[in-house]
Amino acid sequence: MKRADDFAQRRQHIANLTDEELYNRFWELTSQVVDPLLELGRKNTTPSVERAVLLRMGVSSLDTQKIVEGCMDRGLMGHGAGHVVYKLSKARNISIREASELLAKGEGWDEVTAMFKGGK
């Protein structure tokens, strides 16, 4: 079975767009697909999901609870506990393990809270 070639017809609505306009249109459409998924993740995460993510990142099981509680106390759960650890790791140029140990000890929270409150 041969598929009818209707490419020219299907692309009429974008045929006159510049490369920049096509690029912007692509990211606009991508956002329409991805944004609802991100919103679902922000609204539907749970402490147990966040602990599981941290465990898979190599964080000590003893530290996961402290980090998740720290995220909850500071309103960072919607960003993801793993993301919080990752951001601190990158900001300080340290390993994920080192960043998680700092957060579990109560250090670095002001720094990561400022990162997320600043929209970074």
C-alpha atoms as a PDB file:
ATOM      1  CA  MET A   1       0.000   0.000   0.000  1.00  0.00           C
ATOM      2  CA  LYS A   2       1.463   3.296  -1.077  1.00  0.00           C
ATOM      3  CA  ARG A   3       0.853   6.377   1.002  1.00  0.00           C
ATOM      4  CA  ALA A   4      -0.373   9.413  -0.888  1.00  0.00           C
ATOM      5  CA  ASP A   5       2.185  12.209  -0.808  1.00  0.00           C
ATOM      6  CA  ASP A   6       0.372  15.145   0.722  1.00  0.00           C
ATOM      7  CA  PHE A   7       3.392  16.934   2.163  1.00  0.00           C
ATOM      8  CA  ALA A   8       2.918  20.057   0.055  1.00  0.00           C
ATOM      9  CA  GLN A   9      -0.689  20.343   1.181  1.00  0.00           C
ATOM     10  CA  ARG A  10       0.070  19.716   4.864  1.00  0.00           C
ATOM     11  CA  ARG A  11       2.853  22.321   4.980  1.00  0.00           C
ATOM     12  CA  GLN A  12       0.915  25.189   3.391  1.00  0.00           C
ATOM     13  CA  HIS A  13       0.311  26.904   6.732  1.00  0.00           C
ATOM     14  CA  ILE A  14       4.063  27.098   7.413  1.00  0.00           C
ATOM     15  CA  ALA A  15       5.449  27.399   3.880  1.00  0.00           C
ATOM     16  CA  ASN A  16       6.111  31.139   4.094  1.00  0.00           C
ATOM     17  CA  LEU A  17       7.736  31.167   7.525  1.00  0.00           C
ATOM     18  CA  THR A  18      11.401  32.088   7.912  1.00  0.00           C
ATOM     19  CA  ASP A  19      13.834  29.761   9.654  1.00  0.00           C
ATOM     20  CA  GLU A  20      13.562  31.870  12.802  1.00  0.00           C
ATOM     21  CA  GLU A  21       9.763  31.784  12.680  1.00  0.00           C
ATOM     22  CA  LEU A  22       9.838  28.000  12.185  1.00  0.00           C
ATOM     23  CA  TYR A  23      12.237  27.680  15.115  1.00  0.00           C
ATOM     24  CA  ASN A  24       9.937  29.753  17.349  1.00  0.00           C
ATOM     25  CA  ARG A  25       6.874  27.819  16.175  1.00  0.00           C
ATOM     26  CA  PHE A  26       8.606  24.534  17.017  1.00  0.00           C
ATOM     27  CA  TRP A  27       9.337  25.629  20.583  1.00  0.00           C
ATOM     28  CA  GLU A  28       5.828  27.049  20.973  1.00  0.00           C
ATOM     29  CA  LEU A  29       4.309  23.702  19.991  1.00  0.00           C
ATOM     30  CA  THR A  30       6.798  21.812  22.156  1.00  0.00           C
ATOM     31  CA  SER A  31       5.769  23.913  25.149  1.00  0.00           C
ATOM     32  CA  GLN A  32       2.125  23.101  24.492  1.00  0.00           C
ATOM     33  CA  VAL A  33       2.982  19.404  24.750  1.00  0.00           C
ATOM     34  CA  VAL A  34       5.481  19.500  27.613  1.00  0.00           C
ATOM     35  CA  ASP A  35       3.999  22.157  29.928  1.00  0.00           C
ATOM     36  CA  PRO A  36       0.977  20.061  30.977  1.00  0.00           C
ATOM     37  CA  LEU A  37       3.307  17.142  31.755  1.00  0.00           C
ATOM     38  CA  LEU A  38       5.510  19.338  33.916  1.00  0.00           C
ATOM     39  CA  GLU A  39       2.466  20.724  35.687  1.00  0.00           C
ATOM     40  CA  LEU A  40       1.249  17.197  36.433  1.00  0.00           C
ATOM     41  CA  GLY A  41       4.618  16.383  37.950  1.00  0.00           C
ATOM     42  CA  ARG A  42       4.602  19.513  40.094  1.00  0.00           C
ATOM     43  CA  LYS A  43       1.103  18.924  41.407  1.00  0.00           C
ATOM     44  CA  ASN A  44       1.198  15.163  41.819  1.00  0.00           C
ATOM     45  CA  THR A  45       4.555  14.342  43.323  1.00  0.00           C
ATOM     46  CA  THR A  46       4.701  12.746  46.739  1.00  0.00           C
ATOM     47  CA  PRO A  47       7.388  12.423  49.389  1.00  0.00           C
ATOM     48  CA  SER A  48       7.776   8.736  48.537  1.00  0.00           C
ATOM     49  CA  VAL A  49       8.274   9.513  44.834  1.00  0.00           C
ATOM     50  CA  GLU A  50      10.862  12.162  45.687  1.00  0.00           C
ATOM     51  CA  ARG A  51      12.699   9.786  48.040  1.00  0.00           C
ATOM     52  CA  ALA A  52      12.740   7.157  45.270  1.00  0.00           C
ATOM     53  CA  VAL A  53      14.227   9.676  42.841  1.00  0.00           C
ATOM     54  CA  LEU A  54      16.929  10.593  45.339  1.00  0.00           C
ATOM     55  CA  LEU A  55      17.759   6.947  45.962  1.00  0.00           C
ATOM     56  CA  ARG A  56      18.206   6.416  42.224  1.00  0.00           C
ATOM     57  CA  MET A  57      20.552   9.387  42.149  1.00  0.00           C
ATOM     58  CA  GLY A  58      22.750   7.596  44.687  1.00  0.00           C
ATOM     59  CA  VAL A  59      21.676   9.561  47.748  1.00  0.00           C
ATOM     60  CA  SER A  60      21.927   7.711  51.037  1.00  0.00           C
ATOM     61  CA  SER A  61      18.608   6.317  52.234  1.00  0.00           C
ATOM     62  CA  LEU A  62      19.221   8.031  55.570  1.00  0.00           C
ATOM     63  CA  ASP A  63      19.558  11.407  53.844  1.00  0.00           C
ATOM     64  CA  THR A  64      16.546  11.147  51.548  1.00  0.00           C
ATOM     65  CA  GLN A  65      13.993  11.791  54.289  1.00  0.00           C
ATOM     66  CA  LYS A  66      15.846  14.874  55.541  1.00  0.00           C
ATOM     67  CA  ILE A  67      16.144  16.299  52.031  1.00  0.00           C
ATOM     68  CA  VAL A  68      12.483  15.677  51.182  1.00  0.00           C
ATOM     69  CA  GLU A  69      11.392  17.260  54.475  1.00  0.00           C
ATOM     70  CA  GLY A  70      13.666  20.235  53.738  1.00  0.00           C
ATOM     71  CA  CYS A  71      12.048  20.626  50.325  1.00  0.00           C
ATOM     72  CA  MET A  72       8.574  20.439  51.828  1.00  0.00           C
ATOM     73  CA  ASP A  73       9.416  22.987  54.542  1.00  0.00           C
ATOM     74  CA  ARG A  74      10.688  25.453  51.949  1.00  0.00           C
ATOM     75  CA  GLY A  75       7.999  24.947  49.292  1.00  0.00           C
ATOM     76  CA  LEU A  76      10.393  23.313  46.838  1.00  0.00           C
ATOM     77  CA  MET A  77       8.590  19.988  46.309  1.00  0.00           C
ATOM     78  CA  GLY A  78       7.126  21.165  43.025  1.00  0.00           C
ATOM     79  CA  HIS A  79      10.651  21.534  41.673  1.00  0.00           C
ATOM     80  CA  GLY A  80      11.600  18.008  42.699  1.00  0.00           C
ATOM     81  CA  ALA A  81      13.987  16.987  45.452  1.00  0.00           C
ATOM     82  CA  GLY A  82      16.410  15.535  42.925  1.00  0.00           C
ATOM     83  CA  HIS A  83      16.431  18.818  41.037  1.00  0.00           C
ATOM     84  CA  VAL A  84      17.216  20.676  44.265  1.00  0.00           C
ATOM     85  CA  VAL A  85      20.205  18.405  44.928  1.00  0.00           C
ATOM     86  CA  TYR A  86      21.330  18.695  41.308  1.00  0.00           C
ATOM     87  CA  LYS A  87      21.172  22.511  41.336  1.00  0.00           C
ATOM     88  CA  LEU A  88      23.284  22.722  44.497  1.00  0.00           C
ATOM     89  CA  SER A  89      25.746  20.247  43.012  1.00  0.00           C
ATOM     90  CA  LYS A  90      26.160  22.355  39.875  1.00  0.00           C
ATOM     91  CA  ALA A  91      26.247  25.684  41.724  1.00  0.00           C
ATOM     92  CA  ARG A  92      29.073  24.528  43.987  1.00  0.00           C
ATOM     93  CA  ASN A  93      30.762  22.266  41.430  1.00  0.00           C
ATOM     94  CA  ILE A  94      30.529  19.268  43.760  1.00  0.00           C
ATOM     95  CA  SER A  95      29.184  15.756  43.335  1.00  0.00           C
ATOM     96  CA  ILE A  96      25.532  14.825  43.783  1.00  0.00           C
ATOM     97  CA  ARG A  97      26.555  12.821  46.846  1.00  0.00           C
ATOM     98  CA  GLU A  98      28.344  15.795  48.426  1.00  0.00           C
ATOM     99  CA  ALA A  99      25.413  18.103  47.697  1.00  0.00           C
ATOM    100  CA  SER A 100      22.949  15.651  49.214  1.00  0.00           C
ATOM    101  CA  GLU A 101      25.089  15.272  52.340  1.00  0.00           C
ATOM    102  CA  LEU A 102      25.216  19.061  52.767  1.00  0.00           C
ATOM    103  CA  LEU A 103      21.449  19.392  52.440  1.00  0.00           C
ATOM    104  CA  ALA A 104      20.865  16.494  54.841  1.00  0.00           C
ATOM    105  CA  LYS A 105      23.056  18.315  57.389  1.00  0.00           C
ATOM    106  CA  GLY A 106      20.945  21.435  56.921  1.00  0.00           C
ATOM    107  CA  GLU A 107      23.512  23.340  54.870  1.00  0.00           C
ATOM    108  CA  GLY A 108      22.952  24.996  51.488  1.00  0.00           C
ATOM    109  CA  TRP A 109      19.203  25.434  51.827  1.00  0.00           C
ATOM    110  CA  ASP A 110      19.286  29.229  51.628  1.00  0.00           C
ATOM    111  CA  GLU A 111      21.321  28.951  48.431  1.00  0.00           C
ATOM    112  CA  VAL A 112      18.976  26.533  46.655  1.00  0.00           C
ATOM    113  CA  THR A 113      15.873  28.317  47.891  1.00  0.00           C
ATOM    114  CA  ALA A 114      17.219  31.560  46.402  1.00  0.00           C
ATOM    115  CA  MET A 115      17.969  29.765  43.102  1.00  0.00           C
ATOM    116  CA  PHE A 116      14.411  28.537  42.727  1.00  0.00           C
ATOM    117  CA  LYS A 117      12.726  31.672  44.029  1.00  0.00           C
ATOM    118  CA  GLY A 118      14.789  33.642  41.502  1.00  0.00           C
ATOM    119  CA  GLY A 119      13.388  31.546  38.668  1.00  0.00           C
ATOM    120  CA  LYS A 120      16.644  29.769  37.852  1.00  0.00           C
END
